């Protein structure tokens, strides 16, 4: 996921993407807790960074006055 791609989306699309990423993060956390995802540890950090990118772009758009 690239910040350039996110900047082309509307705030509503970004909110939907954020919800999707948070669900994915929860699923990864549950897999890690049950011991399923031993080979997929890199996905936790990647998902967390994607969430931060989406939130950053959303804040940029809100400060610019877009809705």
PDB file of N, CA and C in Angstrom:
ATOM      1  N   UNK A   1       0.840  -1.163   0.000  1.00  0.00           N
ATOM      2  CA  UNK A   1       0.000   0.000   0.000  1.00  0.00           C
ATOM      3  C   UNK A   1       0.894   1.237   0.000  1.00  0.00           C
ATOM      4  N   UNK A   2       0.565   2.171  -0.854  1.00  0.00           N
ATOM      5  CA  UNK A   2       1.383   3.359  -1.031  1.00  0.00           C
ATOM      6  C   UNK A   2       0.566   4.590  -0.656  1.00  0.00           C
ATOM      7  N   UNK A   3       1.193   5.566  -0.027  1.00  0.00           N
ATOM      8  CA  UNK A   3       0.489   6.782   0.388  1.00  0.00           C
ATOM      9  C   UNK A   3      -0.028   7.549  -0.825  1.00  0.00           C
ATOM     10  N   UNK A   4       0.682   7.470  -1.951  1.00  0.00           N
ATOM     11  CA  UNK A   4       0.225   8.153  -3.163  1.00  0.00           C
ATOM     12  C   UNK A   4      -1.123   7.610  -3.613  1.00  0.00           C
ATOM     13  N   UNK A   5      -1.283   6.296  -3.531  1.00  0.00           N
ATOM     14  CA  UNK A   5      -2.555   5.681  -3.914  1.00  0.00           C
ATOM     15  C   UNK A   5      -3.670   6.098  -2.961  1.00  0.00           C
ATOM     16  N   UNK A   6      -3.347   6.183  -1.678  1.00  0.00           N
ATOM     17  CA  UNK A   6      -4.351   6.541  -0.679  1.00  0.00           C
ATOM     18  C   UNK A   6      -4.823   7.979  -0.843  1.00  0.00           C
ATOM     19  N   UNK A   7      -3.947   8.869  -1.275  1.00  0.00           N
ATOM     20  CA  UNK A   7      -4.321  10.277  -1.413  1.00  0.00           C
ATOM     21  C   UNK A   7      -5.356  10.478  -2.515  1.00  0.00           C
ATOM     22  N   UNK A   8      -5.472   9.534  -3.428  1.00  0.00           N
ATOM     23  CA  UNK A   8      -6.455   9.622  -4.497  1.00  0.00           C
ATOM     24  C   UNK A   8      -7.837   9.153  -4.081  1.00  0.00           C
ATOM     25  N   UNK A   9      -7.960   8.598  -2.878  1.00  0.00           N
ATOM     26  CA  UNK A   9      -9.239   8.082  -2.410  1.00  0.00           C
ATOM     27  C   UNK A   9      -9.970   9.136  -1.583  1.00  0.00           C
ATOM     28  N   UNK A  10     -11.277   8.973  -1.472  1.00  0.00           N
ATOM     29  CA  UNK A  10     -12.077   9.884  -0.659  1.00  0.00           C
ATOM     30  C   UNK A  10     -11.965   9.472   0.810  1.00  0.00           C
ATOM     31  N   UNK A  11     -12.465  10.328   1.687  1.00  0.00           N
ATOM     32  CA  UNK A  11     -12.415  10.045   3.119  1.00  0.00           C
ATOM     33  C   UNK A  11     -13.258   8.810   3.444  1.00  0.00           C
ATOM     34  N   UNK A  12     -14.392   8.650   2.790  1.00  0.00           N
ATOM     35  CA  UNK A  12     -15.250   7.484   3.026  1.00  0.00           C
ATOM     36  C   UNK A  12     -14.537   6.189   2.626  1.00  0.00           C
ATOM     37  N   UNK A  13     -13.825   6.225   1.506  1.00  0.00           N
ATOM     38  CA  UNK A  13     -13.065   5.045   1.072  1.00  0.00           C
ATOM     39  C   UNK A  13     -11.933   4.748   2.044  1.00  0.00           C
ATOM     40  N   UNK A  14     -11.313   5.794   2.557  1.00  0.00           N
ATOM     41  CA  UNK A  14     -10.234   5.608   3.527  1.00  0.00           C
ATOM     42  C   UNK A  14     -10.759   5.009   4.830  1.00  0.00           C
ATOM     43  N   UNK A  15     -11.942   5.453   5.253  1.00  0.00           N
ATOM     44  CA  UNK A  15     -12.536   4.890   6.460  1.00  0.00           C
ATOM     45  C   UNK A  15     -12.845   3.410   6.277  1.00  0.00           C
ATOM     46  N   UNK A  16     -13.331   3.038   5.102  1.00  0.00           N
ATOM     47  CA  UNK A  16     -13.606   1.630   4.811  1.00  0.00           C
ATOM     48  C   UNK A  16     -12.308   0.825   4.801  1.00  0.00           C
ATOM     49  N   UNK A  17     -11.254   1.388   4.247  1.00  0.00           N
ATOM     50  CA  UNK A  17      -9.951   0.724   4.223  1.00  0.00           C
ATOM     51  C   UNK A  17      -9.416   0.552   5.642  1.00  0.00           C
ATOM     52  N   UNK A  18      -9.614   1.552   6.476  1.00  0.00           N
ATOM     53  CA  UNK A  18      -9.158   1.485   7.859  1.00  0.00           C
ATOM     54  C   UNK A  18      -9.872   0.371   8.618  1.00  0.00           C
ATOM     55  N   UNK A  19     -11.163   0.247   8.415  1.00  0.00           N
ATOM     56  CA  UNK A  19     -11.922  -0.824   9.063  1.00  0.00           C
ATOM     57  C   UNK A  19     -11.419  -2.188   8.607  1.00  0.00           C
ATOM     58  N   UNK A  20     -11.169  -2.319   7.307  1.00  0.00           N
ATOM     59  CA  UNK A  20     -10.671  -3.585   6.767  1.00  0.00           C
ATOM     60  C   UNK A  20      -9.316  -3.941   7.380  1.00  0.00           C
ATOM     61  N   UNK A  21      -8.437  -2.946   7.490  1.00  0.00           N
ATOM     62  CA  UNK A  21      -7.108  -3.187   8.046  1.00  0.00           C
ATOM     63  C   UNK A  21      -7.159  -3.538   9.531  1.00  0.00           C
ATOM     64  N   UNK A  22      -8.065  -2.910  10.268  1.00  0.00           N
ATOM     65  CA  UNK A  22      -8.184  -3.216  11.692  1.00  0.00           C
ATOM     66  C   UNK A  22      -8.715  -4.635  11.901  1.00  0.00           C
ATOM     67  N   UNK A  23      -9.626  -5.074  11.027  1.00  0.00           N
ATOM     68  CA  UNK A  23     -10.114  -6.454  11.100  1.00  0.00           C
ATOM     69  C   UNK A  23      -8.986  -7.432  10.785  1.00  0.00           C
ATOM     70  N   UNK A  24      -8.186  -7.077   9.786  1.00  0.00           N
ATOM     71  CA  UNK A  24      -7.044  -7.923   9.430  1.00  0.00           C
ATOM     72  C   UNK A  24      -6.053  -7.993  10.589  1.00  0.00           C
ATOM     73  N   UNK A  25      -5.804  -6.862  11.242  1.00  0.00           N
ATOM     74  CA  UNK A  25      -4.884  -6.827  12.372  1.00  0.00           C
ATOM     75  C   UNK A  25      -5.413  -7.704  13.514  1.00  0.00           C
ATOM     76  N   UNK A  26      -6.707  -7.631  13.766  1.00  0.00           N
ATOM     77  CA  UNK A  26      -7.300  -8.450  14.813  1.00  0.00           C
ATOM     78  C   UNK A  26      -7.142  -9.935  14.494  1.00  0.00           C
ATOM     79  N   UNK A  27      -7.405 -10.306  13.243  1.00  0.00           N
ATOM     80  CA  UNK A  27      -7.253 -11.699  12.831  1.00  0.00           C
ATOM     81  C   UNK A  27      -5.821 -12.187  12.995  1.00  0.00           C
ATOM     82  N   UNK A  28      -4.867 -11.346  12.638  1.00  0.00           N
ATOM     83  CA  UNK A  28      -3.460 -11.723  12.804  1.00  0.00           C
ATOM     84  C   UNK A  28      -3.094 -11.884  14.278  1.00  0.00           C
ATOM     85  N   UNK A  29      -3.659 -11.005  15.101  1.00  0.00           N
ATOM     86  CA  UNK A  29      -3.386 -11.081  16.538  1.00  0.00           C
ATOM     87  C   UNK A  29      -3.955 -12.372  17.125  1.00  0.00           C
ATOM     88  N   UNK A  30      -5.129 -12.768  16.668  1.00  0.00           N
ATOM     89  CA  UNK A  30      -5.736 -14.011  17.143  1.00  0.00           C
ATOM     90  C   UNK A  30      -4.937 -15.225  16.659  1.00  0.00           C
ATOM     91  N   UNK A  31      -4.468 -15.182  15.405  1.00  0.00           N
ATOM     92  CA  UNK A  31      -3.649 -16.279  14.891  1.00  0.00           C
ATOM     93  C   UNK A  31      -2.358 -16.396  15.687  1.00  0.00           C
ATOM     94  N   UNK A  32      -1.768 -15.271  16.010  1.00  0.00           N
ATOM     95  CA  UNK A  32      -0.520 -15.290  16.770  1.00  0.00           C
ATOM     96  C   UNK A  32      -0.762 -15.858  18.174  1.00  0.00           C
ATOM     97  N   UNK A  33      -1.892 -15.486  18.770  1.00  0.00           N
ATOM     98  CA  UNK A  33      -2.217 -15.969  20.107  1.00  0.00           C
ATOM     99  C   UNK A  33      -2.440 -17.470  20.152  1.00  0.00           C
ATOM    100  N   UNK A  34      -2.977 -18.018  19.083  1.00  0.00           N
ATOM    101  CA  UNK A  34      -3.232 -19.452  19.043  1.00  0.00           C
ATOM    102  C   UNK A  34      -2.048 -20.227  18.480  1.00  0.00           C
ATOM    103  N   UNK A  35      -1.012 -19.530  18.042  1.00  0.00           N
ATOM    104  CA  UNK A  35       0.195 -20.194  17.563  1.00  0.00           C
ATOM    105  C   UNK A  35       0.144 -20.591  16.106  1.00  0.00           C
ATOM    106  N   UNK A  36      -0.811 -20.093  15.337  1.00  0.00           N
ATOM    107  CA  UNK A  36      -0.957 -20.488  13.936  1.00  0.00           C
ATOM    108  C   UNK A  36       0.043 -19.806  13.004  1.00  0.00           C
ATOM    109  N   UNK A  37       0.374 -18.555  13.260  1.00  0.00           N
ATOM    110  CA  UNK A  37       1.099 -17.760  12.264  1.00  0.00           C
ATOM    111  C   UNK A  37       2.581 -17.617  12.576  1.00  0.00           C
ATOM    112  N   UNK A  38       3.257 -18.710  12.797  1.00  0.00           N
ATOM    113  CA  UNK A  38       4.681 -18.638  13.122  1.00  0.00           C
ATOM    114  C   UNK A  38       5.501 -18.078  11.953  1.00  0.00           C
ATOM    115  N   UNK A  39       5.081 -18.363  10.714  1.00  0.00           N
ATOM    116  CA  UNK A  39       5.848 -17.914   9.547  1.00  0.00           C
ATOM    117  C   UNK A  39       5.388 -16.555   9.031  1.00  0.00           C
ATOM    118  N   UNK A  40       4.366 -15.964   9.628  1.00  0.00           N
ATOM    119  CA  UNK A  40       3.809 -14.719   9.108  1.00  0.00           C
ATOM    120  C   UNK A  40       3.960 -13.563  10.091  1.00  0.00           C
ATOM    121  N   UNK A  41       5.017 -13.535  10.853  1.00  0.00           N
ATOM    122  CA  UNK A  41       5.206 -12.473  11.841  1.00  0.00           C
ATOM    123  C   UNK A  41       5.381 -11.109  11.192  1.00  0.00           C
ATOM    124  N   UNK A  42       5.881 -11.052   9.981  1.00  0.00           N
ATOM    125  CA  UNK A  42       6.105  -9.776   9.303  1.00  0.00           C
ATOM    126  C   UNK A  42       4.795  -9.060   8.978  1.00  0.00           C
ATOM    127  N   UNK A  43       3.699  -9.778   8.916  1.00  0.00           N
ATOM    128  CA  UNK A  43       2.420  -9.170   8.561  1.00  0.00           C
ATOM    129  C   UNK A  43       1.890  -8.243   9.652  1.00  0.00           C
ATOM    130  N   UNK A  44       2.269  -8.489  10.915  1.00  0.00           N
ATOM    131  CA  UNK A  44       1.808  -7.632  12.012  1.00  0.00           C
ATOM    132  C   UNK A  44       2.323  -6.210  11.820  1.00  0.00           C
ATOM    133  N   UNK A  45       3.608  -6.077  11.601  1.00  0.00           N
ATOM    134  CA  UNK A  45       4.202  -4.758  11.417  1.00  0.00           C
ATOM    135  C   UNK A  45       3.729  -4.086  10.153  1.00  0.00           C
ATOM    136  N   UNK A  46       3.581  -4.858   9.093  1.00  0.00           N
ATOM    137  CA  UNK A  46       3.119  -4.313   7.812  1.00  0.00           C
ATOM    138  C   UNK A  46       1.699  -3.762   7.941  1.00  0.00           C
ATOM    139  N   UNK A  47       0.831  -4.491   8.616  1.00  0.00           N
ATOM    140  CA  UNK A  47      -0.545  -4.042   8.795  1.00  0.00           C
ATOM    141  C   UNK A  47      -0.591  -2.793   9.676  1.00  0.00           C
ATOM    142  N   UNK A  48       0.222  -2.775  10.721  1.00  0.00           N
ATOM    143  CA  UNK A  48       0.257  -1.611  11.610  1.00  0.00           C
ATOM    144  C   UNK A  48       0.709  -0.363  10.859  1.00  0.00           C
ATOM    145  N   UNK A  49       1.690  -0.513   9.992  1.00  0.00           N
ATOM    146  CA  UNK A  49       2.180   0.620   9.210  1.00  0.00           C
ATOM    147  C   UNK A  49       1.143   1.068   8.182  1.00  0.00           C
ATOM    148  N   UNK A  50       0.408   0.126   7.602  1.00  0.00           N
ATOM    149  CA  UNK A  50      -0.657   0.484   6.657  1.00  0.00           C
ATOM    150  C   UNK A  50      -1.758   1.280   7.358  1.00  0.00           C
ATOM    151  N   UNK A  51      -2.098   0.883   8.583  1.00  0.00           N
ATOM    152  CA  UNK A  51      -3.094   1.617   9.363  1.00  0.00           C
ATOM    153  C   UNK A  51      -2.608   3.038   9.606  1.00  0.00           C
ATOM    154  N   UNK A  52      -1.342   3.182   9.956  1.00  0.00           N
ATOM    155  CA  UNK A  52      -0.782   4.515  10.200  1.00  0.00           C
ATOM    156  C   UNK A  52      -0.812   5.362   8.935  1.00  0.00           C
ATOM    157  N   UNK A  53      -0.536   4.763   7.779  1.00  0.00           N
ATOM    158  CA  UNK A  53      -0.586   5.507   6.513  1.00  0.00           C
ATOM    159  C   UNK A  53      -1.996   6.020   6.234  1.00  0.00           C
ATOM    160  N   UNK A  54      -2.977   5.149   6.435  1.00  0.00           N
ATOM    161  CA  UNK A  54      -4.364   5.532   6.169  1.00  0.00           C
ATOM    162  C   UNK A  54      -4.770   6.666   7.110  1.00  0.00           C
ATOM    163  N   UNK A  55      -4.431   6.548   8.382  1.00  0.00           N
ATOM    164  CA  UNK A  55      -4.789   7.595   9.344  1.00  0.00           C
ATOM    165  C   UNK A  55      -4.104   8.915   9.010  1.00  0.00           C
ATOM    166  N   UNK A  56      -2.856   8.843   8.560  1.00  0.00           N
ATOM    167  CA  UNK A  56      -2.126  10.058   8.197  1.00  0.00           C
ATOM    168  C   UNK A  56      -2.795  10.767   7.030  1.00  0.00           C
ATOM    169  N   UNK A  57      -3.162  10.025   6.008  1.00  0.00           N
ATOM    170  CA  UNK A  57      -3.802  10.622   4.840  1.00  0.00           C
ATOM    171  C   UNK A  57      -5.177  11.169   5.216  1.00  0.00           C
ATOM    172  N   UNK A  58      -5.899  10.459   6.094  1.00  0.00           N
ATOM    173  CA  UNK A  58      -7.207  10.954   6.536  1.00  0.00           C
ATOM    174  C   UNK A  58      -7.050  12.291   7.269  1.00  0.00           C
ATOM    175  N   UNK A  59      -6.045  12.394   8.137  1.00  0.00           N
ATOM    176  CA  UNK A  59      -5.822  13.650   8.855  1.00  0.00           C
ATOM    177  C   UNK A  59      -5.409  14.760   7.914  1.00  0.00           C
ATOM    178  N   UNK A  60      -4.613  14.452   6.896  1.00  0.00           N
ATOM    179  CA  UNK A  60      -4.224  15.460   5.901  1.00  0.00           C
ATOM    180  C   UNK A  60      -5.464  15.996   5.193  1.00  0.00           C
ATOM    181  N   UNK A  61      -6.365  15.084   4.812  1.00  0.00           N
ATOM    182  CA  UNK A  61      -7.567  15.489   4.093  1.00  0.00           C
ATOM    183  C   UNK A  61      -8.491  16.303   4.994  1.00  0.00           C
ATOM    184  N   UNK A  62      -8.610  15.912   6.246  1.00  0.00           N
ATOM    185  CA  UNK A  62      -9.472  16.656   7.172  1.00  0.00           C
ATOM    186  C   UNK A  62      -8.936  18.044   7.426  1.00  0.00           C
ATOM    187  N   UNK A  63      -7.615  18.176   7.528  1.00  0.00           N
ATOM    188  CA  UNK A  63      -7.026  19.496   7.737  1.00  0.00           C
ATOM    189  C   UNK A  63      -7.179  20.376   6.494  1.00  0.00           C
ATOM    190  N   UNK A  64      -7.186  19.758   5.319  1.00  0.00           N
ATOM    191  CA  UNK A  64      -7.354  20.503   4.070  1.00  0.00           C
ATOM    192  C   UNK A  64      -8.821  20.871   3.835  1.00  0.00           C
ATOM    193  N   UNK A  65      -9.727  20.295   4.618  1.00  0.00           N
ATOM    194  CA  UNK A  65     -11.133  20.653   4.493  1.00  0.00           C
ATOM    195  C   UNK A  65     -11.922  19.781   3.557  1.00  0.00           C
ATOM    196  N   UNK A  66     -11.365  18.658   3.156  1.00  0.00           N
ATOM    197  CA  UNK A  66     -12.096  17.739   2.279  1.00  0.00           C
ATOM    198  C   UNK A  66     -13.022  16.889   3.120  1.00  0.00           C
ATOM    199  N   UNK A  67     -14.104  16.419   2.492  1.00  0.00           N
ATOM    200  CA  UNK A  67     -15.014  15.542   3.229  1.00  0.00           C
ATOM    201  C   UNK A  67     -15.289  14.276   2.463  1.00  0.00           C
TER     202      UNK A  67
END
